[in-house]
Amino acid sequence: MKIIVPIKRVLDPFTQARIDKQTQSVDLTNSKMAMNPFCEIAVEEALRLKESEKATETVAVSIGTDKTVDTLRTALAMGIDRAIFIRTETELDLQPLTIGKILASIVKKEEAQLVIMGKQAVDNDNNQTGQMLSGLLNYSLGTFISQFNLSDDNNSIEVYREIDSGIETRSIKLPAIVTVDLRLNEPRYASLPNIMKARSKPLETIEISSLDVDTSARINVLSVEESGSKDRSAKNVNSASELFDELKKLGVM
């Protein structure tokens, strides 16, 4: 069974984002970048399946400029077998549907039976790509997975989803898309020998223009603000009527 793991290069979660007021976007100039934390968990789960001999090959896929190769090398250093780099000329802010179409073309080409990916990226927090990819491929879908068990015959997966009322257990048939949550596992660190080995692992580059996918934006960002720029003070209320009074003062009601 071949597993594809889409990963994304994002601003390091422990770094304060800076806003470029001219472009109304996050300024990434000289910023520390890292693999999306949810993607790290997806990589770890794919590696565990490979180590248990339930998977034959693991493939990491990422989209971006040449700097994105560093993130793919990190996945290779963790233990991923090979990588596919979808190269863009500039820092395109690709939206979930576009990413879903790109990934769908790669999954079809690779004939992968399982796609494990983070439930969302910490930069835009859309939580849409996995669901859209499932629709485009007509694959089974499991989201917000906190526990994952592949059947002995490799035909289905038992997944545990965190929902508002508790933990939901589902059995989904392969081929499937699985989006993972933070509590699924603890990602490993890449050892120095594996970091050196990663440089010799296969990394295929595909130009985004060759995929015939429309990359134009369907959603326009109106404004971006730094977190904490507004008053975030809190006040305790003792009743619903008091809450309504406070909301009226704020002009919400």
Foldseek 3Di string as FASTA:
>chain_A
DEEEQEKEKDFPPVDFWDADQVVQDTDCVVTDIAIFPQSLVLLQVVVVCVVVVVHDAYEYEYEEAPVCVVRVLQSQLLPHQEYEYAHDPHGAPFDQLLVLLVVLVVCVVVVDWEYEYAQAGPPPRPSPNLVNNCVVNVFAEAEAFQEWDADPVNFWIWTWHQDPVGIDIDIGGISYYYHYDDNNDDRDGRDPVSSVVSVVHYYHYHYNVVSPTDRDDPDDDPHHDGPPPDDPDDDDDDDPVRVVVVCVVVVND
